[in-house]
Amino acid sequence: MARYFFDLHNGEGPTRDEHGTELRSRADIPKEVTRILLDVARDELPAGDRTIIAVTVRDESGDPITVASLVFNNEWLDVFR
């Protein structure tokens, strides 16, 4: 088991994970990142025509090891009508 920290970056600014989450292995990180991104997206989208939600994952020593992001983009097609 290892502890990983999932820092959230969204429209409200960065939120640093101070507690972390214990995972069995590094291979479990994508599933946890996906869960976080979808939970945040469910609560925040659509917040406008373009929203980026990102999660930076740090290891136990505090070093960033991966970043994942979700982009919502809405383009109006009838703006010139």
PDB file of N, CA and C in Angstrom:
ATOM      1  N   MET A   1       0.836  -1.182   0.000  1.00  0.00           N
ATOM      2  CA  MET A   1       0.000   0.000   0.000  1.00  0.00           C
ATOM      3  C   MET A   1       0.886   1.251   0.000  1.00  0.00           C
ATOM      4  N   ALA A   2       0.422   2.228  -0.710  1.00  0.00           N
ATOM      5  CA  ALA A   2       1.132   3.506  -0.749  1.00  0.00           C
ATOM      6  C   ALA A   2       0.102   4.628  -0.706  1.00  0.00           C
ATOM      7  N   ARG A   3       0.496   5.759  -0.173  1.00  0.00           N
ATOM      8  CA  ARG A   3      -0.402   6.910  -0.082  1.00  0.00           C
ATOM      9  C   ARG A   3      -0.112   7.858  -1.238  1.00  0.00           C
ATOM     10  N   TYR A   4      -1.197   8.272  -1.904  1.00  0.00           N
ATOM     11  CA  TYR A   4      -1.115   9.227  -3.008  1.00  0.00           C
ATOM     12  C   TYR A   4      -2.016  10.410  -2.688  1.00  0.00           C
ATOM     13  N   PHE A   5      -1.617  11.578  -3.185  1.00  0.00           N
ATOM     14  CA  PHE A   5      -2.345  12.810  -2.939  1.00  0.00           C
ATOM     15  C   PHE A   5      -2.902  13.326  -4.259  1.00  0.00           C
ATOM     16  N   PHE A   6      -4.176  13.685  -4.251  1.00  0.00           N
ATOM     17  CA  PHE A   6      -4.890  14.076  -5.460  1.00  0.00           C
ATOM     18  C   PHE A   6      -5.293  15.550  -5.347  1.00  0.00           C
ATOM     19  N   ASP A   7      -4.503  16.419  -5.967  1.00  0.00           N
ATOM     20  CA  ASP A   7      -4.753  17.860  -5.922  1.00  0.00           C
ATOM     21  C   ASP A   7      -5.676  18.250  -7.066  1.00  0.00           C
ATOM     22  N   LEU A   8      -6.752  18.965  -6.726  1.00  0.00           N
ATOM     23  CA  LEU A   8      -7.766  19.345  -7.700  1.00  0.00           C
ATOM     24  C   LEU A   8      -7.530  20.765  -8.191  1.00  0.00           C
ATOM     25  N   HIS A   9      -7.665  20.967  -9.488  1.00  0.00           N
ATOM     26  CA  HIS A   9      -7.558  22.290 -10.111  1.00  0.00           C
ATOM     27  C   HIS A   9      -8.829  22.485 -10.932  1.00  0.00           C
ATOM     28  N   ASN A  10      -9.650  23.447 -10.525  1.00  0.00           N
ATOM     29  CA  ASN A  10     -10.885  23.711 -11.259  1.00  0.00           C
ATOM     30  C   ASN A  10     -11.161  25.207 -11.253  1.00  0.00           C
ATOM     31  N   GLY A  11     -12.383  25.585 -11.586  1.00  0.00           N
ATOM     32  CA  GLY A  11     -12.733  26.998 -11.663  1.00  0.00           C
ATOM     33  C   GLY A  11     -12.611  27.734 -10.344  1.00  0.00           C
ATOM     34  N   GLU A  12     -12.590  27.009  -9.246  1.00  0.00           N
ATOM     35  CA  GLU A  12     -12.468  27.629  -7.926  1.00  0.00           C
ATOM     36  C   GLU A  12     -11.017  27.755  -7.487  1.00  0.00           C
ATOM     37  N   GLY A  13     -10.099  27.384  -8.350  1.00  0.00           N
ATOM     38  CA  GLY A  13      -8.676  27.440  -8.018  1.00  0.00           C
ATOM     39  C   GLY A  13      -8.185  26.095  -7.519  1.00  0.00           C
ATOM     40  N   PRO A  14      -6.910  26.025  -7.158  1.00  0.00           N
ATOM     41  CA  PRO A  14      -6.357  24.737  -6.734  1.00  0.00           C
ATOM     42  C   PRO A  14      -6.792  24.367  -5.311  1.00  0.00           C
ATOM     43  N   THR A  15      -7.024  23.068  -5.110  1.00  0.00           N
ATOM     44  CA  THR A  15      -7.318  22.521  -3.793  1.00  0.00           C
ATOM     45  C   THR A  15      -6.310  21.415  -3.533  1.00  0.00           C
ATOM     46  N   ARG A  16      -5.471  21.619  -2.553  1.00  0.00           N
ATOM     47  CA  ARG A  16      -4.408  20.657  -2.232  1.00  0.00           C
ATOM     48  C   ARG A  16      -4.949  19.566  -1.316  1.00  0.00           C
ATOM     49  N   ASP A  17      -4.686  18.332  -1.678  1.00  0.00           N
ATOM     50  CA  ASP A  17      -5.079  17.176  -0.871  1.00  0.00           C
ATOM     51  C   ASP A  17      -4.059  17.015   0.249  1.00  0.00           C
ATOM     52  N   GLU A  18      -4.471  17.264   1.478  1.00  0.00           N
ATOM     53  CA  GLU A  18      -3.571  17.179   2.625  1.00  0.00           C
ATOM     54  C   GLU A  18      -3.590  15.802   3.295  1.00  0.00           C
ATOM     55  N   HIS A  19      -4.594  14.974   2.974  1.00  0.00           N
ATOM     56  CA  HIS A  19      -4.751  13.690   3.663  1.00  0.00           C
ATOM     57  C   HIS A  19      -4.282  12.499   2.829  1.00  0.00           C
ATOM     58  N   GLY A  20      -4.523  12.547   1.538  1.00  0.00           N
ATOM     59  CA  GLY A  20      -4.121  11.450   0.671  1.00  0.00           C
ATOM     60  C   GLY A  20      -5.064  10.263   0.739  1.00  0.00           C
ATOM     61  N   THR A  21      -4.800   9.318  -0.144  1.00  0.00           N
ATOM     62  CA  THR A  21      -5.589   8.096  -0.242  1.00  0.00           C
ATOM     63  C   THR A  21      -4.623   6.933  -0.387  1.00  0.00           C
ATOM     64  N   GLU A  22      -4.841   5.897   0.397  1.00  0.00           N
ATOM     65  CA  GLU A  22      -3.998   4.706   0.270  1.00  0.00           C
ATOM     66  C   GLU A  22      -4.533   3.817  -0.835  1.00  0.00           C
ATOM     67  N   LEU A  23      -3.656   3.457  -1.744  1.00  0.00           N
ATOM     68  CA  LEU A  23      -3.998   2.562  -2.852  1.00  0.00           C
ATOM     69  C   LEU A  23      -3.057   1.368  -2.826  1.00  0.00           C
ATOM     70  N   ARG A  24      -3.560   0.241  -3.329  1.00  0.00           N
ATOM     71  CA  ARG A  24      -2.750  -0.974  -3.343  1.00  0.00           C
ATOM     72  C   ARG A  24      -1.526  -0.848  -4.228  1.00  0.00           C
ATOM     73  N   SER A  25      -1.723  -0.168  -5.377  1.00  0.00           N
ATOM     74  CA  SER A  25      -0.592  -0.011  -6.287  1.00  0.00           C
ATOM     75  C   SER A  25      -0.799   1.217  -7.158  1.00  0.00           C
ATOM     76  N   ARG A  26       0.243   1.586  -7.833  1.00  0.00           N
ATOM     77  CA  ARG A  26       0.208   2.716  -8.759  1.00  0.00           C
ATOM     78  C   ARG A  26      -0.819   2.487  -9.871  1.00  0.00           C
ATOM     79  N   ALA A  27      -1.080   1.236 -10.194  1.00  0.00           N
ATOM     80  CA  ALA A  27      -2.050   0.894 -11.238  1.00  0.00           C
ATOM     81  C   ALA A  27      -3.473   1.309 -10.877  1.00  0.00           C
ATOM     82  N   ASP A  28      -3.744   1.562  -9.588  1.00  0.00           N
ATOM     83  CA  ASP A  28      -5.080   1.986  -9.145  1.00  0.00           C
ATOM     84  C   ASP A  28      -5.309   3.483  -9.297  1.00  0.00           C
ATOM     85  N   ILE A  29      -4.271   4.235  -9.618  1.00  0.00           N
ATOM     86  CA  ILE A  29      -4.383   5.691  -9.736  1.00  0.00           C
ATOM     87  C   ILE A  29      -5.374   6.121 -10.820  1.00  0.00           C
ATOM     88  N   PRO A  30      -5.332   5.569 -12.037  1.00  0.00           N
ATOM     89  CA  PRO A  30      -6.273   6.035 -13.064  1.00  0.00           C
ATOM     90  C   PRO A  30      -7.746   5.884 -12.659  1.00  0.00           C
ATOM     91  N   LYS A  31      -8.073   4.822 -11.972  1.00  0.00           N
ATOM     92  CA  LYS A  31      -9.459   4.620 -11.531  1.00  0.00           C
ATOM     93  C   LYS A  31      -9.864   5.694 -10.519  1.00  0.00           C
ATOM     94  N   GLU A  32      -8.984   6.017  -9.581  1.00  0.00           N
ATOM     95  CA  GLU A  32      -9.276   7.037  -8.580  1.00  0.00           C
ATOM     96  C   GLU A  32      -9.361   8.416  -9.224  1.00  0.00           C
ATOM     97  N   VAL A  33      -8.468   8.722 -10.152  1.00  0.00           N
ATOM     98  CA  VAL A  33      -8.502  10.010 -10.857  1.00  0.00           C
ATOM     99  C   VAL A  33      -9.810  10.143 -11.642  1.00  0.00           C
ATOM    100  N   THR A  34     -10.217   9.081 -12.307  1.00  0.00           N
ATOM    101  CA  THR A  34     -11.468   9.102 -13.073  1.00  0.00           C
ATOM    102  C   THR A  34     -12.653   9.357 -12.155  1.00  0.00           C
ATOM    103  N   ARG A  35     -12.683   8.702 -11.010  1.00  0.00           N
ATOM    104  CA  ARG A  35     -13.769   8.895 -10.050  1.00  0.00           C
ATOM    105  C   ARG A  35     -13.837  10.360  -9.609  1.00  0.00           C
ATOM    106  N   ILE A  36     -12.694  10.941  -9.288  1.00  0.00           N
ATOM    107  CA  ILE A  36     -12.647  12.337  -8.839  1.00  0.00           C
ATOM    108  C   ILE A  36     -13.127  13.276  -9.946  1.00  0.00           C
ATOM    109  N   LEU A  37     -12.594  13.107 -11.148  1.00  0.00           N
ATOM    110  CA  LEU A  37     -12.973  13.985 -12.261  1.00  0.00           C
ATOM    111  C   LEU A  37     -14.471  13.912 -12.551  1.00  0.00           C
ATOM    112  N   LEU A  38     -15.031  12.715 -12.550  1.00  0.00           N
ATOM    113  CA  LEU A  38     -16.460  12.571 -12.839  1.00  0.00           C
ATOM    114  C   LEU A  38     -17.325  13.154 -11.729  1.00  0.00           C
ATOM    115  N   ASP A  39     -16.921  12.981 -10.474  1.00  0.00           N
ATOM    116  CA  ASP A  39     -17.666  13.578  -9.358  1.00  0.00           C
ATOM    117  C   ASP A  39     -17.682  15.100  -9.455  1.00  0.00           C
ATOM    118  N   VAL A  40     -16.532  15.685  -9.729  1.00  0.00           N
ATOM    119  CA  VAL A  40     -16.442  17.140  -9.837  1.00  0.00           C
ATOM    120  C   VAL A  40     -17.239  17.619 -11.050  1.00  0.00           C
ATOM    121  N   ALA A  41     -17.120  16.932 -12.175  1.00  0.00           N
ATOM    122  CA  ALA A  41     -17.847  17.316 -13.387  1.00  0.00           C
ATOM    123  C   ALA A  41     -19.354  17.267 -13.143  1.00  0.00           C
ATOM    124  N   ARG A  42     -19.822  16.260 -12.455  1.00  0.00           N
ATOM    125  CA  ARG A  42     -21.250  16.121 -12.159  1.00  0.00           C
ATOM    126  C   ARG A  42     -21.752  17.331 -11.365  1.00  0.00           C
ATOM    127  N   ASP A  43     -20.935  17.838 -10.455  1.00  0.00           N
ATOM    128  CA  ASP A  43     -21.337  18.963  -9.616  1.00  0.00           C
ATOM    129  C   ASP A  43     -21.154  20.321 -10.290  1.00  0.00           C
ATOM    130  N   GLU A  44     -20.188  20.448 -11.184  1.00  0.00           N
ATOM    131  CA  GLU A  44     -19.810  21.765 -11.704  1.00  0.00           C
ATOM    132  C   GLU A  44     -20.208  22.057 -13.142  1.00  0.00           C
ATOM    133  N   LEU A  45     -20.460  21.042 -13.956  1.00  0.00           N
ATOM    134  CA  LEU A  45     -20.743  21.301 -15.367  1.00  0.00           C
ATOM    135  C   LEU A  45     -22.231  21.435 -15.602  1.00  0.00           C
ATOM    136  N   PRO A  46     -22.649  22.220 -16.577  1.00  0.00           N
ATOM    137  CA  PRO A  46     -21.808  23.189 -17.273  1.00  0.00           C
ATOM    138  C   PRO A  46     -21.705  24.486 -16.486  1.00  0.00           C
ATOM    139  N   ALA A  47     -20.527  24.952 -16.303  1.00  0.00           N
ATOM    140  CA  ALA A  47     -20.280  26.199 -15.584  1.00  0.00           C
ATOM    141  C   ALA A  47     -20.014  27.343 -16.558  1.00  0.00           C
ATOM    142  N   GLY A  48     -20.143  27.087 -17.811  1.00  0.00           N
ATOM    143  CA  GLY A  48     -19.874  28.069 -18.854  1.00  0.00           C
ATOM    144  C   GLY A  48     -19.654  27.311 -20.146  1.00  0.00           C
ATOM    145  N   ASP A  49     -19.124  28.002 -21.120  1.00  0.00           N
ATOM    146  CA  ASP A  49     -18.892  27.357 -22.407  1.00  0.00           C
ATOM    147  C   ASP A  49     -17.609  26.545 -22.444  1.00  0.00           C
ATOM    148  N   ARG A  50     -16.706  26.803 -21.496  1.00  0.00           N
ATOM    149  CA  ARG A  50     -15.449  26.039 -21.466  1.00  0.00           C
ATOM    150  C   ARG A  50     -14.998  25.896 -20.015  1.00  0.00           C
ATOM    151  N   THR A  51     -14.785  24.667 -19.624  1.00  0.00           N
ATOM    152  CA  THR A  51     -14.335  24.369 -18.265  1.00  0.00           C
ATOM    153  C   THR A  51     -13.263  23.298 -18.325  1.00  0.00           C
ATOM    154  N   ILE A  52     -12.196  23.486 -17.565  1.00  0.00           N
ATOM    155  CA  ILE A  52     -11.144  22.477 -17.452  1.00  0.00           C
ATOM    156  C   ILE A  52     -11.039  22.075 -15.991  1.00  0.00           C
ATOM    157  N   ILE A  53     -11.104  20.783 -15.761  1.00  0.00           N
ATOM    158  CA  ILE A  53     -10.928  20.228 -14.419  1.00  0.00           C
ATOM    159  C   ILE A  53      -9.715  19.313 -14.495  1.00  0.00           C
ATOM    160  N   ALA A  54      -8.767  19.489 -13.594  1.00  0.00           N
ATOM    161  CA  ALA A  54      -7.550  18.679 -13.622  1.00  0.00           C
ATOM    162  C   ALA A  54      -7.239  18.145 -12.227  1.00  0.00           C
ATOM    163  N   VAL A  55      -6.585  17.005 -12.199  1.00  0.00           N
ATOM    164  CA  VAL A  55      -6.116  16.406 -10.955  1.00  0.00           C
ATOM    165  C   VAL A  55      -4.637  16.086 -11.127  1.00  0.00           C
ATOM    166  N   THR A  56      -3.822  16.621 -10.224  1.00  0.00           N
ATOM    167  CA  THR A  56      -2.402  16.279 -10.191  1.00  0.00           C
ATOM    168  C   THR A  56      -2.198  15.302  -9.045  1.00  0.00           C
ATOM    169  N   VAL A  57      -1.538  14.201  -9.329  1.00  0.00           N
ATOM    170  CA  VAL A  57      -1.301  13.174  -8.316  1.00  0.00           C
ATOM    171  C   VAL A  57       0.144  13.274  -7.844  1.00  0.00           C
ATOM    172  N   ARG A  58       0.304  13.312  -6.509  1.00  0.00           N
ATOM    173  CA  ARG A  58       1.630  13.326  -5.898  1.00  0.00           C
ATOM    174  C   ARG A  58       1.852  12.029  -5.132  1.00  0.00           C
ATOM    175  N   ASP A  59       3.092  11.589  -5.073  1.00  0.00           N
ATOM    176  CA  ASP A  59       3.418  10.401  -4.292  1.00  0.00           C
ATOM    177  C   ASP A  59       3.679  10.786  -2.840  1.00  0.00           C
ATOM    178  N   GLU A  60       4.062   9.817  -2.027  1.00  0.00           N
ATOM    179  CA  GLU A  60       4.263  10.049  -0.592  1.00  0.00           C
ATOM    180  C   GLU A  60       5.337  11.099  -0.295  1.00  0.00           C
ATOM    181  N   SER A  61       6.297  11.242  -1.185  1.00  0.00           N
ATOM    182  CA  SER A  61       7.344  12.244  -0.963  1.00  0.00           C
ATOM    183  C   SER A  61       6.926  13.633  -1.444  1.00  0.00           C
ATOM    184  N   GLY A  62       5.732  13.731  -2.040  1.00  0.00           N
ATOM    185  CA  GLY A  62       5.226  15.019  -2.495  1.00  0.00           C
ATOM    186  C   GLY A  62       5.548  15.355  -3.933  1.00  0.00           C
ATOM    187  N   ASP A  63       6.211  14.432  -4.625  1.00  0.00           N
ATOM    188  CA  ASP A  63       6.563  14.669  -6.024  1.00  0.00           C
ATOM    189  C   ASP A  63       5.375  14.370  -6.943  1.00  0.00           C
ATOM    190  N   PRO A  64       5.065  15.282  -7.881  1.00  0.00           N
ATOM    191  CA  PRO A  64       3.994  14.995  -8.836  1.00  0.00           C
ATOM    192  C   PRO A  64       4.401  13.832  -9.743  1.00  0.00           C
ATOM    193  N   ILE A  65       3.437  12.915  -9.963  1.00  0.00           N
ATOM    194  CA  ILE A  65       3.754  11.760 -10.806  1.00  0.00           C
ATOM    195  C   ILE A  65       2.861  11.657 -12.031  1.00  0.00           C
ATOM    196  N   THR A  66       1.697  12.293 -12.008  1.00  0.00           N
ATOM    197  CA  THR A  66       0.837  12.288 -13.182  1.00  0.00           C
ATOM    198  C   THR A  66      -0.202  13.392 -13.044  1.00  0.00           C
ATOM    199  N   VAL A  67      -0.739  13.804 -14.171  1.00  0.00           N
ATOM    200  CA  VAL A  67      -1.828  14.776 -14.183  1.00  0.00           C
ATOM    201  C   VAL A  67      -2.861  14.299 -15.198  1.00  0.00           C
ATOM    202  N   ALA A  68      -4.124  14.434 -14.818  1.00  0.00           N
ATOM    203  CA  ALA A  68      -5.218  14.058 -15.720  1.00  0.00           C
ATOM    204  C   ALA A  68      -6.191  15.225 -15.766  1.00  0.00           C
ATOM    205  N   SER A  69      -6.816  15.434 -16.909  1.00  0.00           N
ATOM    206  CA  SER A  69      -7.747  16.552 -17.017  1.00  0.00           C
ATOM    207  C   SER A  69      -8.970  16.166 -17.830  1.00  0.00           C
ATOM    208  N   LEU A  70     -10.020  16.914 -17.588  1.00  0.00           N
ATOM    209  CA  LEU A  70     -11.278  16.748 -18.300  1.00  0.00           C
ATOM    210  C   LEU A  70     -11.651  18.127 -18.823  1.00  0.00           C
ATOM    211  N   VAL A  71     -11.935  18.218 -20.115  1.00  0.00           N
ATOM    212  CA  VAL A  71     -12.270  19.499 -20.733  1.00  0.00           C
ATOM    213  C   VAL A  71     -13.709  19.446 -21.225  1.00  0.00           C
ATOM    214  N   PHE A  72     -14.492  20.431 -20.817  1.00  0.00           N
ATOM    215  CA  PHE A  72     -15.843  20.606 -21.337  1.00  0.00           C
ATOM    216  C   PHE A  72     -15.811  21.829 -22.225  1.00  0.00           C
ATOM    217  N   ASN A  73     -16.274  21.669 -23.457  1.00  0.00           N
ATOM    218  CA  ASN A  73     -16.276  22.777 -24.397  1.00  0.00           C
ATOM    219  C   ASN A  73     -17.616  22.784 -25.127  1.00  0.00           C
ATOM    220  N   ASN A  74     -18.331  23.895 -25.053  1.00  0.00           N
ATOM    221  CA  ASN A  74     -19.601  24.042 -25.740  1.00  0.00           C
ATOM    222  C   ASN A  74     -19.467  25.159 -26.759  1.00  0.00           C
ATOM    223  N   GLU A  75     -19.722  24.845 -28.016  1.00  0.00           N
ATOM    224  CA  GLU A  75     -19.633  25.845 -29.080  1.00  0.00           C
ATOM    225  C   GLU A  75     -21.011  26.039 -29.696  1.00  0.00           C
ATOM    226  N   TRP A  76     -21.498  27.257 -29.586  1.00  0.00           N
ATOM    227  CA  TRP A  76     -22.786  27.576 -30.180  1.00  0.00           C
ATOM    228  C   TRP A  76     -22.635  27.679 -31.704  1.00  0.00           C
ATOM    229  N   LEU A  77     -23.486  26.996 -32.427  1.00  0.00           N
ATOM    230  CA  LEU A  77     -23.383  26.964 -33.887  1.00  0.00           C
ATOM    231  C   LEU A  77     -24.249  28.030 -34.551  1.00  0.00           C
ATOM    232  N   ASP A  78     -25.156  28.603 -33.797  1.00  0.00           N
ATOM    233  CA  ASP A  78     -26.081  29.579 -34.383  1.00  0.00           C
ATOM    234  C   ASP A  78     -25.794  31.015 -33.953  1.00  0.00           C
ATOM    235  N   VAL A  79     -24.569  31.326 -33.615  1.00  0.00           N
ATOM    236  CA  VAL A  79     -24.222  32.651 -33.105  1.00  0.00           C
ATOM    237  C   VAL A  79     -24.425  33.773 -34.140  1.00  0.00           C
ATOM    238  N   PHE A  80     -24.427  33.434 -35.406  1.00  0.00           N
ATOM    239  CA  PHE A  80     -24.552  34.471 -36.433  1.00  0.00           C
ATOM    240  C   PHE A  80     -25.957  34.564 -36.996  1.00  0.00           C
ATOM    241  N   ARG A  81     -26.890  33.884 -36.412  1.00  0.00           N
ATOM    242  CA  ARG A  81     -28.282  33.940 -36.917  1.00  0.00           C
ATOM    243  C   ARG A  81     -29.024  35.071 -36.281  1.00  0.00           C
TER     244      ARG A  81
END
